[in-house]
Amino acid sequence: GMGWFRQAPGKEREFVSAISRSGGSTYYADSVKGRFTISRVYAK
């Protein structure tokens, strides 16, 4: 599986999104739902 996090100056690192190892399940922080999309290309 893979995840994306972000960190603004002076703030803690926060979860953004994640994708399962199969690519079949994705997860998003409420703050980015509907705006961000996580994906993966295994060949690359």
PDB file of all heavy atoms in Angstrom:
ATOM      1  N   GLY A   1       0.831  -1.183   0.000  1.00  0.00           N
ATOM      2  CA  GLY A   1       0.000   0.000   0.000  1.00  0.00           C
ATOM      3  C   GLY A   1       0.876   1.247   0.000  1.00  0.00           C
ATOM      4  O   GLY A   1       2.068   1.191   0.303  1.00  0.00           O
ATOM      5  N   MET A   2       0.287   2.371  -0.360  1.00  0.00           N
ATOM      6  CA  MET A   2       1.017   3.631  -0.407  1.00  0.00           C
ATOM      7  C   MET A   2       0.153   4.736   0.174  1.00  0.00           C
ATOM      8  O   MET A   2      -1.072   4.698   0.083  1.00  0.00           O
ATOM      9  CB  MET A   2       1.409   3.985  -1.838  1.00  0.00           C
ATOM     10  CG  MET A   2       2.361   3.015  -2.503  1.00  0.00           C
ATOM     11  SD  MET A   2       4.037   3.110  -1.809  1.00  0.00           S
ATOM     12  CE  MET A   2       4.512   4.766  -2.343  1.00  0.00           C
ATOM     13  N   GLY A   3       0.814   5.728   0.743  1.00  0.00           N
ATOM     14  CA  GLY A   3       0.100   6.848   1.319  1.00  0.00           C
ATOM     15  C   GLY A   3       0.702   8.183   0.932  1.00  0.00           C
ATOM     16  O   GLY A   3       1.874   8.267   0.546  1.00  0.00           O
ATOM     17  N   TRP A   4      -0.122   9.202   1.015  1.00  0.00           N
ATOM     18  CA  TRP A   4       0.312  10.584   0.850  1.00  0.00           C
ATOM     19  C   TRP A   4       0.019  11.351   2.133  1.00  0.00           C
ATOM     20  O   TRP A   4      -1.078  11.231   2.700  1.00  0.00           O
ATOM     21  CB  TRP A   4      -0.401  11.275  -0.314  1.00  0.00           C
ATOM     22  CG  TRP A   4       0.099  10.903  -1.671  1.00  0.00           C
ATOM     23  CD1 TRP A   4      -0.429   9.984  -2.523  1.00  0.00           C
ATOM     24  CD2 TRP A   4       1.227  11.470  -2.343  1.00  0.00           C
ATOM     25  NE1 TRP A   4       0.285   9.933  -3.683  1.00  0.00           N
ATOM     26  CE2 TRP A   4       1.315  10.837  -3.603  1.00  0.00           C
ATOM     27  CE3 TRP A   4       2.166  12.445  -2.014  1.00  0.00           C
ATOM     28  CZ2 TRP A   4       2.308  11.145  -4.532  1.00  0.00           C
ATOM     29  CZ3 TRP A   4       3.152  12.749  -2.932  1.00  0.00           C
ATOM     30  CH2 TRP A   4       3.215  12.106  -4.166  1.00  0.00           C
ATOM     31  N   PHE A   5       0.990  12.137   2.568  1.00  0.00           N
ATOM     32  CA  PHE A   5       0.852  13.004   3.718  1.00  0.00           C
ATOM     33  C   PHE A   5       1.298  14.409   3.338  1.00  0.00           C
ATOM     34  O   PHE A   5       1.962  14.607   2.317  1.00  0.00           O
ATOM     35  CB  PHE A   5       1.694  12.497   4.892  1.00  0.00           C
ATOM     36  CG  PHE A   5       1.182  11.219   5.497  1.00  0.00           C
ATOM     37  CD1 PHE A   5       1.390  10.000   4.880  1.00  0.00           C
ATOM     38  CD2 PHE A   5       0.486  11.244   6.699  1.00  0.00           C
ATOM     39  CE1 PHE A   5       0.919   8.822   5.438  1.00  0.00           C
ATOM     40  CE2 PHE A   5       0.013  10.076   7.274  1.00  0.00           C
ATOM     41  CZ  PHE A   5       0.230   8.867   6.638  1.00  0.00           C
ATOM     42  N   ARG A   6       0.957  15.369   4.173  1.00  0.00           N
ATOM     43  CA  ARG A   6       1.429  16.725   3.948  1.00  0.00           C
ATOM     44  C   ARG A   6       1.751  17.379   5.281  1.00  0.00           C
ATOM     45  O   ARG A   6       1.211  17.014   6.320  1.00  0.00           O
ATOM     46  CB  ARG A   6       0.414  17.557   3.173  1.00  0.00           C
ATOM     47  CG  ARG A   6      -0.889  17.825   3.906  1.00  0.00           C
ATOM     48  CD  ARG A   6      -1.894  18.490   2.974  1.00  0.00           C
ATOM     49  NE  ARG A   6      -3.142  18.808   3.644  1.00  0.00           N
ATOM     50  CZ  ARG A   6      -4.221  19.268   3.030  1.00  0.00           C
ATOM     51  NH1 ARG A   6      -4.201  19.472   1.709  1.00  0.00           N
ATOM     52  NH2 ARG A   6      -5.322  19.534   3.718  1.00  0.00           N
ATOM     53  N   GLN A   7       2.622  18.362   5.221  1.00  0.00           N
ATOM     54  CA  GLN A   7       3.032  19.061   6.420  1.00  0.00           C
ATOM     55  C   GLN A   7       3.250  20.538   6.100  1.00  0.00           C
ATOM     56  O   GLN A   7       4.089  20.878   5.274  1.00  0.00           O
ATOM     57  CB  GLN A   7       4.304  18.454   7.004  1.00  0.00           C
ATOM     58  CG  GLN A   7       4.693  19.015   8.353  1.00  0.00           C
ATOM     59  CD  GLN A   7       5.764  18.180   9.032  1.00  0.00           C
ATOM     60  OE1 GLN A   7       6.547  17.502   8.372  1.00  0.00           O
ATOM     61  NE2 GLN A   7       5.794  18.222  10.354  1.00  0.00           N
ATOM     62  N   ALA A   8       2.488  21.372   6.756  1.00  0.00           N
ATOM     63  CA  ALA A   8       2.651  22.811   6.645  1.00  0.00           C
ATOM     64  C   ALA A   8       3.616  23.287   7.718  1.00  0.00           C
ATOM     65  O   ALA A   8       3.784  22.628   8.750  1.00  0.00           O
ATOM     66  CB  ALA A   8       1.303  23.509   6.786  1.00  0.00           C
ATOM     67  N   PRO A   9       4.261  24.429   7.514  1.00  0.00           N
ATOM     68  CA  PRO A   9       5.209  24.935   8.512  1.00  0.00           C
ATOM     69  C   PRO A   9       4.583  25.061   9.891  1.00  0.00           C
ATOM     70  O   PRO A   9       3.500  25.631  10.044  1.00  0.00           O
ATOM     71  CB  PRO A   9       5.605  26.301   7.957  1.00  0.00           C
ATOM     72  CG  PRO A   9       5.414  26.171   6.482  1.00  0.00           C
ATOM     73  CD  PRO A   9       4.206  25.300   6.325  1.00  0.00           C
ATOM     74  N   GLY A  10       5.256  24.520  10.888  1.00  0.00           N
ATOM     75  CA  GLY A  10       4.791  24.606  12.257  1.00  0.00           C
ATOM     76  C   GLY A  10       3.671  23.659  12.616  1.00  0.00           C
ATOM     77  O   GLY A  10       3.175  23.699  13.743  1.00  0.00           O
ATOM     78  N   LYS A  11       3.266  22.809  11.691  1.00  0.00           N
ATOM     79  CA  LYS A  11       2.183  21.880  11.945  1.00  0.00           C
ATOM     80  C   LYS A  11       2.665  20.441  11.849  1.00  0.00           C
ATOM     81  O   LYS A  11       3.710  20.154  11.271  1.00  0.00           O
ATOM     82  CB  LYS A  11       1.037  22.113  10.965  1.00  0.00           C
ATOM     83  CG  LYS A  11       0.352  23.460  11.115  1.00  0.00           C
ATOM     84  CD  LYS A  11      -0.863  23.555  10.223  1.00  0.00           C
ATOM     85  CE  LYS A  11      -1.597  24.859  10.429  1.00  0.00           C
ATOM     86  NZ  LYS A  11      -2.807  24.947   9.575  1.00  0.00           N
ATOM     87  N   GLU A  12       1.874  19.553  12.409  1.00  0.00           N
ATOM     88  CA  GLU A  12       2.185  18.137  12.343  1.00  0.00           C
ATOM     89  C   GLU A  12       1.894  17.589  10.954  1.00  0.00           C
ATOM     90  O   GLU A  12       1.058  18.115  10.221  1.00  0.00           O
ATOM     91  CB  GLU A  12       1.379  17.360  13.384  1.00  0.00           C
ATOM     92  CG  GLU A  12       1.710  17.698  14.826  1.00  0.00           C
ATOM     93  CD  GLU A  12       0.912  16.873  15.807  1.00  0.00           C
ATOM     94  OE1 GLU A  12       0.049  16.093  15.365  1.00  0.00           O
ATOM     95  OE2 GLU A  12       1.157  17.002  17.016  1.00  0.00           O
ATOM     96  N   ARG A  13       2.589  16.532  10.631  1.00  0.00           N
ATOM     97  CA  ARG A  13       2.326  15.852   9.380  1.00  0.00           C
ATOM     98  C   ARG A  13       0.942  15.212   9.432  1.00  0.00           C
ATOM     99  O   ARG A  13       0.595  14.534  10.399  1.00  0.00           O
ATOM    100  CB  ARG A  13       3.398  14.793   9.125  1.00  0.00           C
ATOM    101  CG  ARG A  13       3.386  14.204   7.743  1.00  0.00           C
ATOM    102  CD  ARG A  13       4.671  13.429   7.476  1.00  0.00           C
ATOM    103  NE  ARG A  13       5.840  14.294   7.557  1.00  0.00           N
ATOM    104  CZ  ARG A  13       7.065  13.899   7.244  1.00  0.00           C
ATOM    105  NH1 ARG A  13       7.298  12.668   6.817  1.00  0.00           N
ATOM    106  NH2 ARG A  13       8.074  14.760   7.359  1.00  0.00           N
ATOM    107  N   GLU A  14       0.151  15.428   8.397  1.00  0.00           N
ATOM    108  CA  GLU A  14      -1.210  14.925   8.397  1.00  0.00           C
ATOM    109  C   GLU A  14      -1.482  14.034   7.200  1.00  0.00           C
ATOM    110  O   GLU A  14      -0.926  14.210   6.114  1.00  0.00           O
ATOM    111  CB  GLU A  14      -2.219  16.074   8.431  1.00  0.00           C
ATOM    112  CG  GLU A  14      -2.231  16.944   7.192  1.00  0.00           C
ATOM    113  CD  GLU A  14      -3.377  17.937   7.184  1.00  0.00           C
ATOM    114  OE1 GLU A  14      -4.348  17.753   7.945  1.00  0.00           O
ATOM    115  OE2 GLU A  14      -3.301  18.914   6.404  1.00  0.00           O
ATOM    116  N   PHE A  15      -2.368  13.110   7.421  1.00  0.00           N
ATOM    117  CA  PHE A  15      -2.775  12.176   6.387  1.00  0.00           C
ATOM    118  C   PHE A  15      -3.558  12.876   5.294  1.00  0.00           C
ATOM    119  O   PHE A  15      -4.401  13.731   5.564  1.00  0.00           O
ATOM    120  CB  PHE A  15      -3.624  11.070   7.014  1.00  0.00           C
ATOM    121  CG  PHE A  15      -4.284  10.163   6.030  1.00  0.00           C
ATOM    122  CD1 PHE A  15      -3.575   9.138   5.430  1.00  0.00           C
ATOM    123  CD2 PHE A  15      -5.612  10.322   5.703  1.00  0.00           C
ATOM    124  CE1 PHE A  15      -4.181   8.284   4.526  1.00  0.00           C
ATOM    125  CE2 PHE A  15      -6.234   9.480   4.801  1.00  0.00           C
ATOM    126  CZ  PHE A  15      -5.511   8.458   4.209  1.00  0.00           C
ATOM    127  N   VAL A  16      -3.288  12.497   4.054  1.00  0.00           N
ATOM    128  CA  VAL A  16      -4.023  13.025   2.910  1.00  0.00           C
ATOM    129  C   VAL A  16      -4.801  11.924   2.203  1.00  0.00           C
ATOM    130  O   VAL A  16      -6.012  12.031   1.996  1.00  0.00           O
ATOM    131  CB  VAL A  16      -3.084  13.722   1.907  1.00  0.00           C
ATOM    132  CG1 VAL A  16      -3.858  14.172   0.676  1.00  0.00           C
ATOM    133  CG2 VAL A  16      -2.392  14.906   2.566  1.00  0.00           C
ATOM    134  N   SER A  17      -4.100  10.864   1.833  1.00  0.00           N
ATOM    135  CA  SER A  17      -4.733   9.811   1.057  1.00  0.00           C
ATOM    136  C   SER A  17      -3.906   8.540   1.133  1.00  0.00           C
ATOM    137  O   SER A  17      -2.719   8.573   1.453  1.00  0.00           O
ATOM    138  CB  SER A  17      -4.890  10.253  -0.402  1.00  0.00           C
ATOM    139  OG  SER A  17      -5.601   9.296  -1.159  1.00  0.00           O
ATOM    140  N   ALA A  18      -4.531   7.419   0.821  1.00  0.00           N
ATOM    141  CA  ALA A  18      -3.828   6.143   0.775  1.00  0.00           C
ATOM    142  C   ALA A  18      -4.503   5.230  -0.231  1.00  0.00           C
ATOM    143  O   ALA A  18      -5.693   5.396  -0.545  1.00  0.00           O
ATOM    144  CB  ALA A  18      -3.790   5.481   2.149  1.00  0.00           C
ATOM    145  N   ILE A  19      -3.748   4.268  -0.715  1.00  0.00           N
ATOM    146  CA  ILE A  19      -4.262   3.292  -1.655  1.00  0.00           C
ATOM    147  C   ILE A  19      -3.738   1.921  -1.262  1.00  0.00           C
ATOM    148  O   ILE A  19      -2.585   1.773  -0.860  1.00  0.00           O
ATOM    149  CB  ILE A  19      -3.870   3.665  -3.108  1.00  0.00           C
ATOM    150  CG1 ILE A  19      -4.568   2.755  -4.119  1.00  0.00           C
ATOM    151  CG2 ILE A  19      -2.353   3.655  -3.286  1.00  0.00           C
ATOM    152  CD1 ILE A  19      -4.475   3.277  -5.553  1.00  0.00           C
ATOM    153  N   SER A  20      -4.588   0.926  -1.366  1.00  0.00           N
ATOM    154  CA  SER A  20      -4.209  -0.420  -0.985  1.00  0.00           C
ATOM    155  C   SER A  20      -3.226  -1.012  -1.982  1.00  0.00           C
ATOM    156  O   SER A  20      -3.045  -0.505  -3.093  1.00  0.00           O
ATOM    157  CB  SER A  20      -5.447  -1.305  -0.881  1.00  0.00           C
ATOM    158  OG  SER A  20      -6.068  -1.462  -2.142  1.00  0.00           O
ATOM    159  N   ARG A  21      -2.607  -2.102  -1.591  1.00  0.00           N
ATOM    160  CA  ARG A  21      -1.611  -2.713  -2.466  1.00  0.00           C
ATOM    161  C   ARG A  21      -2.204  -3.227  -3.763  1.00  0.00           C
ATOM    162  O   ARG A  21      -1.507  -3.274  -4.787  1.00  0.00           O
ATOM    163  CB  ARG A  21      -0.858  -3.827  -1.727  1.00  0.00           C
ATOM    164  CG  ARG A  21      -1.709  -4.995  -1.260  1.00  0.00           C
ATOM    165  CD  ARG A  21      -0.863  -5.916  -0.389  1.00  0.00           C
ATOM    166  NE  ARG A  21      -1.617  -7.049   0.119  1.00  0.00           N
ATOM    167  CZ  ARG A  21      -1.655  -8.239  -0.458  1.00  0.00           C
ATOM    168  NH1 ARG A  21      -0.977  -8.458  -1.572  1.00  0.00           N
ATOM    169  NH2 ARG A  21      -2.370  -9.215   0.092  1.00  0.00           N
ATOM    170  N   SER A  22      -3.458  -3.594  -3.737  1.00  0.00           N
ATOM    171  CA  SER A  22      -4.129  -4.045  -4.947  1.00  0.00           C
ATOM    172  C   SER A  22      -4.632  -2.887  -5.801  1.00  0.00           C
ATOM    173  O   SER A  22      -4.972  -3.081  -6.974  1.00  0.00           O
ATOM    174  CB  SER A  22      -5.304  -4.951  -4.597  1.00  0.00           C
ATOM    175  OG  SER A  22      -6.350  -4.216  -3.998  1.00  0.00           O
ATOM    176  N   GLY A  23      -4.704  -1.719  -5.211  1.00  0.00           N
ATOM    177  CA  GLY A  23      -5.280  -0.571  -5.885  1.00  0.00           C
ATOM    178  C   GLY A  23      -6.788  -0.521  -5.808  1.00  0.00           C
ATOM    179  O   GLY A  23      -7.403   0.431  -6.303  1.00  0.00           O
ATOM    180  N   GLY A  24      -7.383  -1.512  -5.175  1.00  0.00           N
ATOM    181  CA  GLY A  24      -8.824  -1.608  -5.139  1.00  0.00           C
ATOM    182  C   GLY A  24      -9.508  -0.752  -4.091  1.00  0.00           C
ATOM    183  O   GLY A  24     -10.713  -0.542  -4.161  1.00  0.00           O
ATOM    184  N   SER A  25      -8.747  -0.273  -3.123  1.00  0.00           N
ATOM    185  CA  SER A  25      -9.308   0.543  -2.058  1.00  0.00           C
ATOM    186  C   SER A  25      -8.527   1.835  -1.937  1.00  0.00           C
ATOM    187  O   SER A  25      -7.295   1.822  -1.964  1.00  0.00           O
ATOM    188  CB  SER A  25      -9.275  -0.204  -0.728  1.00  0.00           C
ATOM    189  OG  SER A  25     -10.052  -1.389  -0.790  1.00  0.00           O
ATOM    190  N   THR A  26      -9.242   2.931  -1.808  1.00  0.00           N
ATOM    191  CA  THR A  26      -8.616   4.232  -1.617  1.00  0.00           C
ATOM    192  C   THR A  26      -9.231   4.925  -0.414  1.00  0.00           C
ATOM    193  O   THR A  26     -10.388   4.684  -0.058  1.00  0.00           O
ATOM    194  CB  THR A  26      -8.761   5.121  -2.857  1.00  0.00           C
ATOM    195  OG1 THR A  26     -10.150   5.273  -3.176  1.00  0.00           O
ATOM    196  CG2 THR A  26      -8.051   4.492  -4.048  1.00  0.00           C
ATOM    197  N   TYR A  27      -8.456   5.817   0.190  1.00  0.00           N
ATOM    198  CA  TYR A  27      -8.872   6.504   1.403  1.00  0.00           C
ATOM    199  C   TYR A  27      -8.447   7.958   1.307  1.00  0.00           C
ATOM    200  O   TYR A  27      -7.396   8.280   0.758  1.00  0.00           O
ATOM    201  CB  TYR A  27      -8.238   5.845   2.629  1.00  0.00           C
ATOM    202  CG  TYR A  27      -8.378   4.345   2.634  1.00  0.00           C
ATOM    203  CD1 TYR A  27      -7.397   3.536   2.061  1.00  0.00           C
ATOM    204  CD2 TYR A  27      -9.489   3.730   3.198  1.00  0.00           C
ATOM    205  CE1 TYR A  27      -7.522   2.159   2.045  1.00  0.00           C
ATOM    206  CE2 TYR A  27      -9.624   2.351   3.185  1.00  0.00           C
ATOM    207  CZ  TYR A  27      -8.635   1.568   2.613  1.00  0.00           C
ATOM    208  OH  TYR A  27      -8.768   0.205   2.600  1.00  0.00           O
ATOM    209  N   TYR A  28      -9.280   8.837   1.870  1.00  0.00           N
ATOM    210  CA  TYR A  28      -9.012  10.261   1.793  1.00  0.00           C
ATOM    211  C   TYR A  28      -9.347  10.956   3.096  1.00  0.00           C
ATOM    212  O   TYR A  28     -10.306  10.601   3.788  1.00  0.00           O
ATOM    213  CB  TYR A  28      -9.835  10.913   0.679  1.00  0.00           C
ATOM    214  CG  TYR A  28      -9.537  10.367  -0.692  1.00  0.00           C
ATOM    215  CD1 TYR A  28     -10.293   9.338  -1.226  1.00  0.00           C
ATOM    216  CD2 TYR A  28      -8.489  10.891  -1.443  1.00  0.00           C
ATOM    217  CE1 TYR A  28     -10.013   8.834  -2.485  1.00  0.00           C
ATOM    218  CE2 TYR A  28      -8.200  10.390  -2.699  1.00  0.00           C
ATOM    219  CZ  TYR A  28      -8.973   9.359  -3.216  1.00  0.00           C
ATOM    220  OH  TYR A  28      -8.691   8.858  -4.464  1.00  0.00           O
ATOM    221  N   ALA A  29      -8.553  11.952   3.416  1.00  0.00           N
ATOM    222  CA  ALA A  29      -8.916  12.841   4.502  1.00  0.00           C
ATOM    223  C   ALA A  29     -10.163  13.625   4.116  1.00  0.00           C
ATOM    224  O   ALA A  29     -10.381  13.926   2.936  1.00  0.00           O
ATOM    225  CB  ALA A  29      -7.773  13.799   4.814  1.00  0.00           C
ATOM    226  N   ASP A  30     -10.980  13.957   5.097  1.00  0.00           N
ATOM    227  CA  ASP A  30     -12.209  14.691   4.810  1.00  0.00           C
ATOM    228  C   ASP A  30     -11.933  16.003   4.087  1.00  0.00           C
ATOM    229  O   ASP A  30     -12.731  16.447   3.254  1.00  0.00           O
ATOM    230  CB  ASP A  30     -12.964  14.970   6.108  1.00  0.00           C
ATOM    231  CG  ASP A  30     -13.583  13.721   6.710  1.00  0.00           C
ATOM    232  OD1 ASP A  30     -13.737  12.717   5.993  1.00  0.00           O
ATOM    233  OD2 ASP A  30     -13.918  13.757   7.906  1.00  0.00           O
ATOM    234  N   SER A  31     -10.811  16.617   4.387  1.00  0.00           N
ATOM    235  CA  SER A  31     -10.499  17.911   3.823  1.00  0.00           C
ATOM    236  C   SER A  31     -10.225  17.880   2.323  1.00  0.00           C
ATOM    237  O   SER A  31     -10.261  18.926   1.671  1.00  0.00           O
ATOM    238  CB  SER A  31      -9.292  18.520   4.547  1.00  0.00           C
ATOM    239  OG  SER A  31      -8.159  17.680   4.434  1.00  0.00           O
ATOM    240  N   VAL A  32      -9.950  16.701   1.778  1.00  0.00           N
ATOM    241  CA  VAL A  32      -9.608  16.614   0.357  1.00  0.00           C
ATOM    242  C   VAL A  32     -10.574  15.756  -0.438  1.00  0.00           C
ATOM    243  O   VAL A  32     -10.429  15.649  -1.668  1.00  0.00           O
ATOM    244  CB  VAL A  32      -8.167  16.102   0.150  1.00  0.00           C
ATOM    245  CG1 VAL A  32      -7.180  16.955   0.935  1.00  0.00           C
ATOM    246  CG2 VAL A  32      -8.042  14.635   0.546  1.00  0.00           C
ATOM    247  N   LYS A  33     -11.548  15.161   0.208  1.00  0.00           N
ATOM    248  CA  LYS A  33     -12.505  14.315  -0.498  1.00  0.00           C
ATOM    249  C   LYS A  33     -13.216  15.093  -1.595  1.00  0.00           C
ATOM    250  O   LYS A  33     -13.651  16.220  -1.394  1.00  0.00           O
ATOM    251  CB  LYS A  33     -13.532  13.743   0.476  1.00  0.00           C
ATOM    252  CG  LYS A  33     -13.025  12.608   1.330  1.00  0.00           C
ATOM    253  CD  LYS A  33     -14.123  12.073   2.234  1.00  0.00           C
ATOM    254  CE  LYS A  33     -13.617  10.915   3.079  1.00  0.00           C
ATOM    255  NZ  LYS A  33     -14.657  10.420   4.005  1.00  0.00           N
ATOM    256  N   GLY A  34     -13.314  14.465  -2.740  1.00  0.00           N
ATOM    257  CA  GLY A  34     -13.954  15.100  -3.877  1.00  0.00           C
ATOM    258  C   GLY A  34     -13.052  15.992  -4.684  1.00  0.00           C
ATOM    259  O   GLY A  34     -13.437  16.438  -5.770  1.00  0.00           O
ATOM    260  N   ARG A  35     -11.863  16.265  -4.173  1.00  0.00           N
ATOM    261  CA  ARG A  35     -10.918  17.131  -4.869  1.00  0.00           C
ATOM    262  C   ARG A  35      -9.646  16.409  -5.289  1.00  0.00           C
ATOM    263  O   ARG A  35      -9.071  16.724  -6.326  1.00  0.00           O
ATOM    264  CB  ARG A  35     -10.551  18.333  -3.998  1.00  0.00           C
ATOM    265  CG  ARG A  35     -11.736  19.195  -3.606  1.00  0.00           C
ATOM    266  CD  ARG A  35     -11.287  20.486  -2.936  1.00  0.00           C
ATOM    267  NE  ARG A  35     -10.581  20.236  -1.684  1.00  0.00           N
ATOM    268  CZ  ARG A  35      -9.320  20.594  -1.447  1.00  0.00           C
ATOM    269  NH1 ARG A  35      -8.622  21.236  -2.385  1.00  0.00           N
ATOM    270  NH2 ARG A  35      -8.755  20.336  -0.278  1.00  0.00           N
ATOM    271  N   PHE A  36      -9.194  15.473  -4.474  1.00  0.00           N
ATOM    272  CA  PHE A  36      -7.966  14.734  -4.749  1.00  0.00           C
ATOM    273  C   PHE A  36      -8.291  13.305  -5.144  1.00  0.00           C
ATOM    274  O   PHE A  36      -9.258  12.711  -4.652  1.00  0.00           O
ATOM    275  CB  PHE A  36      -7.061  14.704  -3.520  1.00  0.00           C
ATOM    276  CG  PHE A  36      -6.460  16.018  -3.117  1.00  0.00           C
ATOM    277  CD1 PHE A  36      -6.847  17.206  -3.706  1.00  0.00           C
ATOM    278  CD2 PHE A  36      -5.489  16.054  -2.126  1.00  0.00           C
ATOM    279  CE1 PHE A  36      -6.297  18.421  -3.326  1.00  0.00           C
ATOM    280  CE2 PHE A  36      -4.926  17.255  -1.730  1.00  0.00           C
ATOM    281  CZ  PHE A  36      -5.327  18.438  -2.329  1.00  0.00           C
ATOM    282  N   THR A  37      -7.459  12.741  -6.000  1.00  0.00           N
ATOM    283  CA  THR A  37      -7.607  11.354  -6.410  1.00  0.00           C
ATOM    284  C   THR A  37      -6.254  10.664  -6.384  1.00  0.00           C
ATOM    285  O   THR A  37      -5.300  11.137  -7.005  1.00  0.00           O
ATOM    286  CB  THR A  37      -8.203  11.241  -7.822  1.00  0.00           C
ATOM    287  OG1 THR A  37      -9.466  11.903  -7.871  1.00  0.00           O
ATOM    288  CG2 THR A  37      -8.398   9.778  -8.199  1.00  0.00           C
ATOM    289  N   ILE A  38      -6.180   9.557  -5.670  1.00  0.00           N
ATOM    290  CA  ILE A  38      -4.959   8.774  -5.632  1.00  0.00           C
ATOM    291  C   ILE A  38      -5.080   7.613  -6.612  1.00  0.00           C
ATOM    292  O   ILE A  38      -6.159   7.039  -6.780  1.00  0.00           O
ATOM    293  CB  ILE A  38      -4.664   8.265  -4.204  1.00  0.00           C
ATOM    294  CG1 ILE A  38      -3.264   7.659  -4.108  1.00  0.00           C
ATOM    295  CG2 ILE A  38      -5.722   7.271  -3.736  1.00  0.00           C
ATOM    296  CD1 ILE A  38      -2.829   7.354  -2.675  1.00  0.00           C
ATOM    297  N   SER A  39      -3.992   7.291  -7.269  1.00  0.00           N
ATOM    298  CA  SER A  39      -3.981   6.186  -8.211  1.00  0.00           C
ATOM    299  C   SER A  39      -2.576   5.621  -8.295  1.00  0.00           C
ATOM    300  O   SER A  39      -1.621   6.217  -7.786  1.00  0.00           O
ATOM    301  CB  SER A  39      -4.476   6.631  -9.591  1.00  0.00           C
ATOM    302  OG  SER A  39      -3.623   7.616 -10.147  1.00  0.00           O
ATOM    303  N   ARG A  40      -2.458   4.489  -8.947  1.00  0.00           N
ATOM    304  CA  ARG A  40      -1.142   3.903  -9.127  1.00  0.00           C
ATOM    305  C   ARG A  40      -1.050   3.203 -10.465  1.00  0.00           C
ATOM    306  O   ARG A  40      -2.042   2.697 -10.997  1.00  0.00           O
ATOM    307  CB  ARG A  40      -0.808   2.947  -7.977  1.00  0.00           C
ATOM    308  CG  ARG A  40      -1.702   1.720  -7.857  1.00  0.00           C
ATOM    309  CD  ARG A  40      -1.517   1.031  -6.497  1.00  0.00           C
ATOM    310  NE  ARG A  40      -0.119   0.755  -6.213  1.00  0.00           N
ATOM    311  CZ  ARG A  40       0.363   0.394  -5.027  1.00  0.00           C
ATOM    312  NH1 ARG A  40      -0.464   0.267  -3.989  1.00  0.00           N
ATOM    313  NH2 ARG A  40       1.653   0.157  -4.864  1.00  0.00           N
ATOM    314  N   VAL A  41       0.153   3.198 -11.009  1.00  0.00           N
ATOM    315  CA  VAL A  41       0.450   2.491 -12.245  1.00  0.00           C
ATOM    316  C   VAL A  41       1.588   1.536 -11.933  1.00  0.00           C
ATOM    317  O   VAL A  41       2.740   1.948 -11.778  1.00  0.00           O
ATOM    318  CB  VAL A  41       0.823   3.449 -13.387  1.00  0.00           C
ATOM    319  CG1 VAL A  41       1.184   2.661 -14.638  1.00  0.00           C
ATOM    320  CG2 VAL A  41      -0.328   4.400 -13.676  1.00  0.00           C
ATOM    321  N   TYR A  42       1.268   0.276 -11.844  1.00  0.00           N
ATOM    322  CA  TYR A  42       2.245  -0.708 -11.410  1.00  0.00           C
ATOM    323  C   TYR A  42       3.412  -0.837 -12.384  1.00  0.00           C
ATOM    324  O   TYR A  42       4.549  -1.034 -11.959  1.00  0.00           O
ATOM    325  CB  TYR A  42       1.564  -2.063 -11.222  1.00  0.00           C
ATOM    326  CG  TYR A  42       0.595  -2.091 -10.073  1.00  0.00           C
ATOM    327  CD1 TYR A  42      -0.775  -2.048 -10.289  1.00  0.00           C
ATOM    328  CD2 TYR A  42       1.055  -2.151  -8.758  1.00  0.00           C
ATOM    329  CE1 TYR A  42      -1.664  -2.069  -9.231  1.00  0.00           C
ATOM    330  CE2 TYR A  42       0.175  -2.171  -7.696  1.00  0.00           C
ATOM    331  CZ  TYR A  42      -1.183  -2.127  -7.939  1.00  0.00           C
ATOM    332  OH  TYR A  42      -2.066  -2.146  -6.878  1.00  0.00           O
ATOM    333  N   ALA A  43       3.140  -0.721 -13.666  1.00  0.00           N
ATOM    334  CA  ALA A  43       4.195  -0.845 -14.661  1.00  0.00           C
ATOM    335  C   ALA A  43       5.244   0.247 -14.519  1.00  0.00           C
ATOM    336  O   ALA A  43       6.394   0.054 -14.916  1.00  0.00           O
ATOM    337  CB  ALA A  43       3.603  -0.828 -16.065  1.00  0.00           C
ATOM    338  N   LYS A  44       4.859   1.376 -13.980  1.00  0.00           N
ATOM    339  CA  LYS A  44       5.779   2.490 -13.775  1.00  0.00           C
ATOM    340  C   LYS A  44       6.310   2.559 -12.353  1.00  0.00           C
ATOM    341  O   LYS A  44       7.135   3.420 -12.041  1.00  0.00           O
ATOM    342  CB  LYS A  44       5.090   3.807 -14.127  1.00  0.00           C
ATOM    343  CG  LYS A  44       4.755   3.971 -15.600  1.00  0.00           C
ATOM    344  CD  LYS A  44       4.158   5.338 -15.868  1.00  0.00           C
ATOM    345  CE  LYS A  44       3.896   5.534 -17.351  1.00  0.00           C
ATOM    346  NZ  LYS A  44       5.164   5.617 -18.112  1.00  0.00           N
TER     347      LYS A  44
END
